Amino acid sequence: MNQARAERVIDGRSMEPPEPFVHTMEALDTIKPGQKVLLIVGREPIPLYRALELNGFSWQTERLPDGSVEVLIWHRKS
């Protein structure tokens, strides 16, 4: 994924859980419809997906060659 596509980038690879989740949810509170947040983490953030679903967000996940995972998140269209 291209980091330039996101207004906010959170590199959670060096963070301890639940920091990436908390930072991501805080960032999502600040974006407007049409804007995106990119989360980069060391493994797939399965618990985050349920929170995104419940809060009206869509996402796209991509595994990188180094094993990291990028999750691009945006407001779901109503």
PDB file of N, CA and C in Angstrom:
ATOM      1  N   MET A   1       0.846  -1.177   0.000  1.00  0.00           N
ATOM      2  CA  MET A   1       0.000   0.000   0.000  1.00  0.00           C
ATOM      3  C   MET A   1       0.887   1.235   0.000  1.00  0.00           C
ATOM      4  N   ASN A   2       0.378   2.248  -0.544  1.00  0.00           N
ATOM      5  CA  ASN A   2       1.144   3.485  -0.627  1.00  0.00           C
ATOM      6  C   ASN A   2       0.817   4.366   0.578  1.00  0.00           C
ATOM      7  N   GLN A   3       1.831   4.674   1.375  1.00  0.00           N
ATOM      8  CA  GLN A   3       1.599   5.490   2.577  1.00  0.00           C
ATOM      9  C   GLN A   3       1.077   6.872   2.228  1.00  0.00           C
ATOM     10  N   ALA A   4       1.335   7.342   1.012  1.00  0.00           N
ATOM     11  CA  ALA A   4       0.863   8.666   0.615  1.00  0.00           C
ATOM     12  C   ALA A   4      -0.664   8.709   0.500  1.00  0.00           C
ATOM     13  N   ARG A   5      -1.310   7.554   0.476  1.00  0.00           N
ATOM     14  CA  ARG A   5      -2.773   7.506   0.374  1.00  0.00           C
ATOM     15  C   ARG A   5      -3.463   7.777   1.702  1.00  0.00           C
ATOM     16  N   ALA A   6      -2.708   7.872   2.779  1.00  0.00           N
ATOM     17  CA  ALA A   6      -3.305   8.037   4.104  1.00  0.00           C
ATOM     18  C   ALA A   6      -2.933   9.392   4.699  1.00  0.00           C
ATOM     19  N   GLU A   7      -3.910   9.998   5.380  1.00  0.00           N
ATOM     20  CA  GLU A   7      -3.670  11.263   6.084  1.00  0.00           C
ATOM     21  C   GLU A   7      -2.856  11.039   7.358  1.00  0.00           C
ATOM     22  N   ARG A   8      -3.054   9.878   7.976  1.00  0.00           N
ATOM     23  CA  ARG A   8      -2.330   9.535   9.214  1.00  0.00           C
ATOM     24  C   ARG A   8      -1.691   8.166   9.029  1.00  0.00           C
ATOM     25  N   VAL A   9      -0.438   8.025   9.451  1.00  0.00           N
ATOM     26  CA  VAL A   9       0.260   6.740   9.419  1.00  0.00           C
ATOM     27  C   VAL A   9       0.692   6.410  10.839  1.00  0.00           C
ATOM     28  N   ILE A  10       0.346   5.213  11.283  1.00  0.00           N
ATOM     29  CA  ILE A  10       0.723   4.749  12.610  1.00  0.00           C
ATOM     30  C   ILE A  10       1.615   3.526  12.426  1.00  0.00           C
ATOM     31  N   ASP A  11       2.864   3.657  12.810  1.00  0.00           N
ATOM     32  CA  ASP A  11       3.788   2.531  12.746  1.00  0.00           C
ATOM     33  C   ASP A  11       3.809   1.877  14.120  1.00  0.00           C
ATOM     34  N   GLY A  12       3.045   0.817  14.240  1.00  0.00           N
ATOM     35  CA  GLY A  12       2.907   0.134  15.525  1.00  0.00           C
ATOM     36  C   GLY A  12       3.857  -1.029  15.707  1.00  0.00           C
ATOM     37  N   ARG A  13       4.806  -1.208  14.794  1.00  0.00           N
ATOM     38  CA  ARG A  13       5.704  -2.369  14.872  1.00  0.00           C
ATOM     39  C   ARG A  13       6.559  -2.382  16.130  1.00  0.00           C
ATOM     40  N   SER A  14       6.869  -1.230  16.689  1.00  0.00           N
ATOM     41  CA  SER A  14       7.699  -1.204  17.903  1.00  0.00           C
ATOM     42  C   SER A  14       6.866  -0.982  19.168  1.00  0.00           C
ATOM     43  N   MET A  15       5.545  -0.919  19.020  1.00  0.00           N
ATOM     44  CA  MET A  15       4.661  -0.691  20.169  1.00  0.00           C
ATOM     45  C   MET A  15       4.220  -2.015  20.783  1.00  0.00           C
ATOM     46  N   GLU A  16       3.922  -1.955  22.070  1.00  0.00           N
ATOM     47  CA  GLU A  16       3.369  -3.116  22.772  1.00  0.00           C
ATOM     48  C   GLU A  16       1.846  -3.029  22.743  1.00  0.00           C
ATOM     49  N   PRO A  17       1.161  -4.183  22.596  1.00  0.00           N
ATOM     50  CA  PRO A  17      -0.307  -4.160  22.659  1.00  0.00           C
ATOM     51  C   PRO A  17      -0.745  -3.617  24.019  1.00  0.00           C
ATOM     52  N   PRO A  18      -1.784  -2.845  24.092  1.00  0.00           N
ATOM     53  CA  PRO A  18      -2.739  -2.472  23.044  1.00  0.00           C
ATOM     54  C   PRO A  18      -2.440  -1.129  22.383  1.00  0.00           C
ATOM     55  N   GLU A  19      -1.181  -0.640  22.475  1.00  0.00           N
ATOM     56  CA  GLU A  19      -0.866   0.690  21.955  1.00  0.00           C
ATOM     57  C   GLU A  19      -1.266   0.900  20.487  1.00  0.00           C
ATOM     58  N   PRO A  20      -0.956  -0.029  19.564  1.00  0.00           N
ATOM     59  CA  PRO A  20      -1.359   0.214  18.169  1.00  0.00           C
ATOM     60  C   PRO A  20      -2.877   0.367  18.015  1.00  0.00           C
ATOM     61  N   PHE A  21      -3.626  -0.446  18.749  1.00  0.00           N
ATOM     62  CA  PHE A  21      -5.091  -0.375  18.711  1.00  0.00           C
ATOM     63  C   PHE A  21      -5.562   0.986  19.215  1.00  0.00           C
ATOM     64  N   VAL A  22      -5.031   1.418  20.359  1.00  0.00           N
ATOM     65  CA  VAL A  22      -5.431   2.691  20.966  1.00  0.00           C
ATOM     66  C   VAL A  22      -5.086   3.858  20.044  1.00  0.00           C
ATOM     67  N   HIS A  23      -3.873   3.885  19.526  1.00  0.00           N
ATOM     68  CA  HIS A  23      -3.461   4.967  18.622  1.00  0.00           C
ATOM     69  C   HIS A  23      -4.309   4.992  17.353  1.00  0.00           C
ATOM     70  N   THR A  24      -4.642   3.821  16.852  1.00  0.00           N
ATOM     71  CA  THR A  24      -5.464   3.745  15.636  1.00  0.00           C
ATOM     72  C   THR A  24      -6.861   4.292  15.896  1.00  0.00           C
ATOM     73  N   MET A  25      -7.485   3.884  16.981  1.00  0.00           N
ATOM     74  CA  MET A  25      -8.832   4.356  17.289  1.00  0.00           C
ATOM     75  C   MET A  25      -8.834   5.867  17.537  1.00  0.00           C
ATOM     76  N   GLU A  26      -7.793   6.383  18.192  1.00  0.00           N
ATOM     77  CA  GLU A  26      -7.686   7.828  18.403  1.00  0.00           C
ATOM     78  C   GLU A  26      -7.546   8.564  17.068  1.00  0.00           C
ATOM     79  N   ALA A  27      -6.738   8.028  16.164  1.00  0.00           N
ATOM     80  CA  ALA A  27      -6.554   8.650  14.853  1.00  0.00           C
ATOM     81  C   ALA A  27      -7.850   8.632  14.055  1.00  0.00           C
ATOM     82  N   LEU A  28      -8.607   7.543  14.159  1.00  0.00           N
ATOM     83  CA  LEU A  28      -9.868   7.440  13.419  1.00  0.00           C
ATOM     84  C   LEU A  28     -10.884   8.469  13.908  1.00  0.00           C
ATOM     85  N   ASP A  29     -10.767   8.879  15.164  1.00  0.00           N
ATOM     86  CA  ASP A  29     -11.655   9.917  15.694  1.00  0.00           C
ATOM     87  C   ASP A  29     -11.382  11.276  15.066  1.00  0.00           C
ATOM     88  N   THR A  30     -10.217  11.449  14.447  1.00  0.00           N
ATOM     89  CA  THR A  30      -9.824  12.758  13.918  1.00  0.00           C
ATOM     90  C   THR A  30     -10.011  12.899  12.410  1.00  0.00           C
ATOM     91  N   ILE A  31     -10.272  11.792  11.697  1.00  0.00           N
ATOM     92  CA  ILE A  31     -10.370  11.907  10.239  1.00  0.00           C
ATOM     93  C   ILE A  31     -11.796  12.178   9.784  1.00  0.00           C
ATOM     94  N   LYS A  32     -11.892  12.817   8.635  1.00  0.00           N
ATOM     95  CA  LYS A  32     -13.180  13.123   8.020  1.00  0.00           C
ATOM     96  C   LYS A  32     -13.485  12.073   6.964  1.00  0.00           C
ATOM     97  N   PRO A  33     -14.746  11.943   6.557  1.00  0.00           N
ATOM     98  CA  PRO A  33     -15.060  11.024   5.462  1.00  0.00           C
ATOM     99  C   PRO A  33     -14.192  11.341   4.244  1.00  0.00           C
ATOM    100  N   GLY A  34     -13.678  10.299   3.633  1.00  0.00           N
ATOM    101  CA  GLY A  34     -12.782  10.453   2.490  1.00  0.00           C
ATOM    102  C   GLY A  34     -11.315  10.394   2.878  1.00  0.00           C
ATOM    103  N   GLN A  35     -11.011  10.580   4.170  1.00  0.00           N
ATOM    104  CA  GLN A  35      -9.632  10.484   4.641  1.00  0.00           C
ATOM    105  C   GLN A  35      -9.358   9.062   5.125  1.00  0.00           C
ATOM    106  N   LYS A  36      -8.059   8.728   5.227  1.00  0.00           N
ATOM    107  CA  LYS A  36      -7.674   7.366   5.593  1.00  0.00           C
ATOM    108  C   LYS A  36      -6.575   7.364   6.637  1.00  0.00           C
ATOM    109  N   VAL A  37      -6.525   6.261   7.399  1.00  0.00           N
ATOM    110  CA  VAL A  37      -5.470   6.000   8.368  1.00  0.00           C
ATOM    111  C   VAL A  37      -4.784   4.710   7.935  1.00  0.00           C
ATOM    112  N   LEU A  38      -3.454   4.702   7.973  1.00  0.00           N
ATOM    113  CA  LEU A  38      -2.686   3.503   7.668  1.00  0.00           C
ATOM    114  C   LEU A  38      -2.007   3.027   8.940  1.00  0.00           C
ATOM    115  N   LEU A  39      -2.283   1.790   9.326  1.00  0.00           N
ATOM    116  CA  LEU A  39      -1.641   1.158  10.471  1.00  0.00           C
ATOM    117  C   LEU A  39      -0.662   0.119   9.947  1.00  0.00           C
ATOM    118  N   ILE A  40       0.566   0.152  10.467  1.00  0.00           N
ATOM    119  CA  ILE A  40       1.575  -0.850  10.119  1.00  0.00           C
ATOM    120  C   ILE A  40       1.927  -1.584  11.402  1.00  0.00           C
ATOM    121  N   VAL A  41       1.749  -2.907  11.398  1.00  0.00           N
ATOM    122  CA  VAL A  41       2.005  -3.708  12.597  1.00  0.00           C
ATOM    123  C   VAL A  41       2.748  -4.988  12.210  1.00  0.00           C
ATOM    124  N   GLY A  42       3.279  -5.659  13.217  1.00  0.00           N
ATOM    125  CA  GLY A  42       4.063  -6.864  12.988  1.00  0.00           C
ATOM    126  C   GLY A  42       3.261  -8.116  12.719  1.00  0.00           C
ATOM    127  N   ARG A  43       1.964  -8.086  13.022  1.00  0.00           N
ATOM    128  CA  ARG A  43       1.095  -9.246  12.745  1.00  0.00           C
ATOM    129  C   ARG A  43      -0.320  -8.749  12.506  1.00  0.00           C
ATOM    130  N   GLU A  44      -1.134  -9.597  11.954  1.00  0.00           N
ATOM    131  CA  GLU A  44      -2.490  -9.179  11.621  1.00  0.00           C
ATOM    132  C   GLU A  44      -3.269  -8.829  12.889  1.00  0.00           C
ATOM    133  N   PRO A  45      -3.877  -7.627  12.929  1.00  0.00           N
ATOM    134  CA  PRO A  45      -4.556  -7.148  14.143  1.00  0.00           C
ATOM    135  C   PRO A  45      -6.022  -7.592  14.195  1.00  0.00           C
ATOM    136  N   ILE A  46      -6.242  -8.867  14.389  1.00  0.00           N
ATOM    137  CA  ILE A  46      -7.595  -9.445  14.340  1.00  0.00           C
ATOM    138  C   ILE A  46      -8.582  -8.707  15.255  1.00  0.00           C
ATOM    139  N   PRO A  47      -8.252  -8.391  16.526  1.00  0.00           N
ATOM    140  CA  PRO A  47      -9.235  -7.696  17.381  1.00  0.00           C
ATOM    141  C   PRO A  47      -9.652  -6.328  16.830  1.00  0.00           C
ATOM    142  N   LEU A  48      -8.767  -5.674  16.093  1.00  0.00           N
ATOM    143  CA  LEU A  48      -9.084  -4.367  15.534  1.00  0.00           C
ATOM    144  C   LEU A  48     -10.229  -4.457  14.530  1.00  0.00           C
ATOM    145  N   TYR A  49     -10.293  -5.533  13.775  1.00  0.00           N
ATOM    146  CA  TYR A  49     -11.309  -5.642  12.726  1.00  0.00           C
ATOM    147  C   TYR A  49     -12.726  -5.560  13.268  1.00  0.00           C
ATOM    148  N   ARG A  50     -12.973  -6.187  14.388  1.00  0.00           N
ATOM    149  CA  ARG A  50     -14.317  -6.138  14.995  1.00  0.00           C
ATOM    150  C   ARG A  50     -14.650  -4.713  15.427  1.00  0.00           C
ATOM    151  N   ALA A  51     -13.682  -4.015  16.021  1.00  0.00           N
ATOM    152  CA  ALA A  51     -13.910  -2.626  16.439  1.00  0.00           C
ATOM    153  C   ALA A  51     -14.177  -1.743  15.220  1.00  0.00           C
ATOM    154  N   LEU A  52     -13.465  -1.975  14.133  1.00  0.00           N
ATOM    155  CA  LEU A  52     -13.691  -1.195  12.913  1.00  0.00           C
ATOM    156  C   LEU A  52     -15.100  -1.446  12.379  1.00  0.00           C
ATOM    157  N   GLU A  53     -15.494  -2.708  12.353  1.00  0.00           N
ATOM    158  CA  GLU A  53     -16.829  -3.079  11.870  1.00  0.00           C
ATOM    159  C   GLU A  53     -17.918  -2.383  12.700  1.00  0.00           C
ATOM    160  N   LEU A  54     -17.781  -2.434  14.011  1.00  0.00           N
ATOM    161  CA  LEU A  54     -18.790  -1.860  14.904  1.00  0.00           C
ATOM    162  C   LEU A  54     -18.849  -0.337  14.823  1.00  0.00           C
ATOM    163  N   ASN A  55     -17.746   0.291  14.429  1.00  0.00           N
ATOM    164  CA  ASN A  55     -17.677   1.750  14.394  1.00  0.00           C
ATOM    165  C   ASN A  55     -17.822   2.342  12.997  1.00  0.00           C
ATOM    166  N   GLY A  56     -18.220   1.531  12.017  1.00  0.00           N
ATOM    167  CA  GLY A  56     -18.534   2.058  10.697  1.00  0.00           C
ATOM    168  C   GLY A  56     -17.345   2.321   9.786  1.00  0.00           C
ATOM    169  N   PHE A  57     -16.282   1.520   9.921  1.00  0.00           N
ATOM    170  CA  PHE A  57     -15.109   1.687   9.072  1.00  0.00           C
ATOM    171  C   PHE A  57     -14.947   0.492   8.145  1.00  0.00           C
ATOM    172  N   SER A  58     -14.328   0.751   7.013  1.00  0.00           N
ATOM    173  CA  SER A  58     -13.904  -0.293   6.083  1.00  0.00           C
ATOM    174  C   SER A  58     -12.389  -0.326   6.116  1.00  0.00           C
ATOM    175  N   TRP A  59     -11.809  -1.433   5.634  1.00  0.00           N
ATOM    176  CA  TRP A  59     -10.359  -1.543   5.658  1.00  0.00           C
ATOM    177  C   TRP A  59      -9.883  -2.488   4.568  1.00  0.00           C
ATOM    178  N   GLN A  60      -8.604  -2.362   4.267  1.00  0.00           N
ATOM    179  CA  GLN A  60      -7.920  -3.241   3.326  1.00  0.00           C
ATOM    180  C   GLN A  60      -6.617  -3.649   3.998  1.00  0.00           C
ATOM    181  N   THR A  61      -6.342  -4.940   4.021  1.00  0.00           N
ATOM    182  CA  THR A  61      -5.151  -5.459   4.684  1.00  0.00           C
ATOM    183  C   THR A  61      -4.189  -6.018   3.642  1.00  0.00           C
ATOM    184  N   GLU A  62      -2.902  -5.737   3.834  1.00  0.00           N
ATOM    185  CA  GLU A  62      -1.879  -6.260   2.936  1.00  0.00           C
ATOM    186  C   GLU A  62      -0.683  -6.721   3.756  1.00  0.00           C
ATOM    187  N   ARG A  63      -0.225  -7.947   3.475  1.00  0.00           N
ATOM    188  CA  ARG A  63       0.969  -8.471   4.141  1.00  0.00           C
ATOM    189  C   ARG A  63       2.185  -8.058   3.317  1.00  0.00           C
ATOM    190  N   LEU A  64       3.189  -7.508   3.993  1.00  0.00           N
ATOM    191  CA  LEU A  64       4.406  -7.048   3.335  1.00  0.00           C
ATOM    192  C   LEU A  64       5.441  -8.175   3.287  1.00  0.00           C
ATOM    193  N   PRO A  65       6.418  -8.073   2.383  1.00  0.00           N
ATOM    194  CA  PRO A  65       7.432  -9.129   2.261  1.00  0.00           C
ATOM    195  C   PRO A  65       8.192  -9.411   3.562  1.00  0.00           C
ATOM    196  N   ASP A  66       8.339  -8.407   4.429  1.00  0.00           N
ATOM    197  CA  ASP A  66       9.061  -8.623   5.694  1.00  0.00           C
ATOM    198  C   ASP A  66       8.185  -9.238   6.782  1.00  0.00           C
ATOM    199  N   GLY A  67       6.919  -9.545   6.460  1.00  0.00           N
ATOM    200  CA  GLY A  67       6.008 -10.155   7.424  1.00  0.00           C
ATOM    201  C   GLY A  67       5.116  -9.157   8.136  1.00  0.00           C
ATOM    202  N   SER A  68       5.412  -7.869   7.998  1.00  0.00           N
ATOM    203  CA  SER A  68       4.556  -6.838   8.585  1.00  0.00           C
ATOM    204  C   SER A  68       3.219  -6.801   7.855  1.00  0.00           C
ATOM    205  N   VAL A  69       2.251  -6.161   8.496  1.00  0.00           N
ATOM    206  CA  VAL A  69       0.916  -6.040   7.928  1.00  0.00           C
ATOM    207  C   VAL A  69       0.537  -4.568   7.880  1.00  0.00           C
ATOM    208  N   GLU A  70       0.015  -4.126   6.729  1.00  0.00           N
ATOM    209  CA  GLU A  70      -0.517  -2.771   6.594  1.00  0.00           C
ATOM    210  C   GLU A  70      -2.030  -2.855   6.525  1.00  0.00           C
ATOM    211  N   VAL A  71      -2.696  -2.008   7.305  1.00  0.00           N
ATOM    212  CA  VAL A  71      -4.153  -1.946   7.295  1.00  0.00           C
ATOM    213  C   VAL A  71      -4.542  -0.506   6.960  1.00  0.00           C
ATOM    214  N   LEU A  72      -5.140  -0.312   5.798  1.00  0.00           N
ATOM    215  CA  LEU A  72      -5.625   0.989   5.374  1.00  0.00           C
ATOM    216  C   LEU A  72      -7.092   1.082   5.773  1.00  0.00           C
ATOM    217  N   ILE A  73      -7.465   2.132   6.508  1.00  0.00           N
ATOM    218  CA  ILE A  73      -8.798   2.229   7.122  1.00  0.00           C
ATOM    219  C   ILE A  73      -9.459   3.533   6.709  1.00  0.00           C
ATOM    220  N   TRP A  74     -10.779   3.472   6.422  1.00  0.00           N
ATOM    221  CA  TRP A  74     -11.545   4.652   6.043  1.00  0.00           C
ATOM    222  C   TRP A  74     -12.981   4.493   6.482  1.00  0.00           C
ATOM    223  N   HIS A  75     -13.710   5.637   6.531  1.00  0.00           N
ATOM    224  CA  HIS A  75     -15.128   5.616   6.874  1.00  0.00           C
ATOM    225  C   HIS A  75     -15.902   4.846   5.817  1.00  0.00           C
ATOM    226  N   ARG A  76     -16.763   3.947   6.267  1.00  0.00           N
ATOM    227  CA  ARG A  76     -17.644   3.221   5.363  1.00  0.00           C
ATOM    228  C   ARG A  76     -18.704   4.180   4.867  1.00  0.00           C
ATOM    229  N   LYS A  77     -19.029   4.106   3.596  1.00  0.00           N
ATOM    230  CA  LYS A  77     -20.089   4.963   3.044  1.00  0.00           C
ATOM    231  C   LYS A  77     -21.432   4.475   3.523  1.00  0.00           C
ATOM    232  N   SER A  78     -22.289   5.394   3.920  1.00  0.00           N
ATOM    233  CA  SER A  78     -23.624   5.033   4.433  1.00  0.00           C
ATOM    234  C   SER A  78     -24.569   4.716   3.298  1.00  0.00           C
TER     235      SER A  78
END
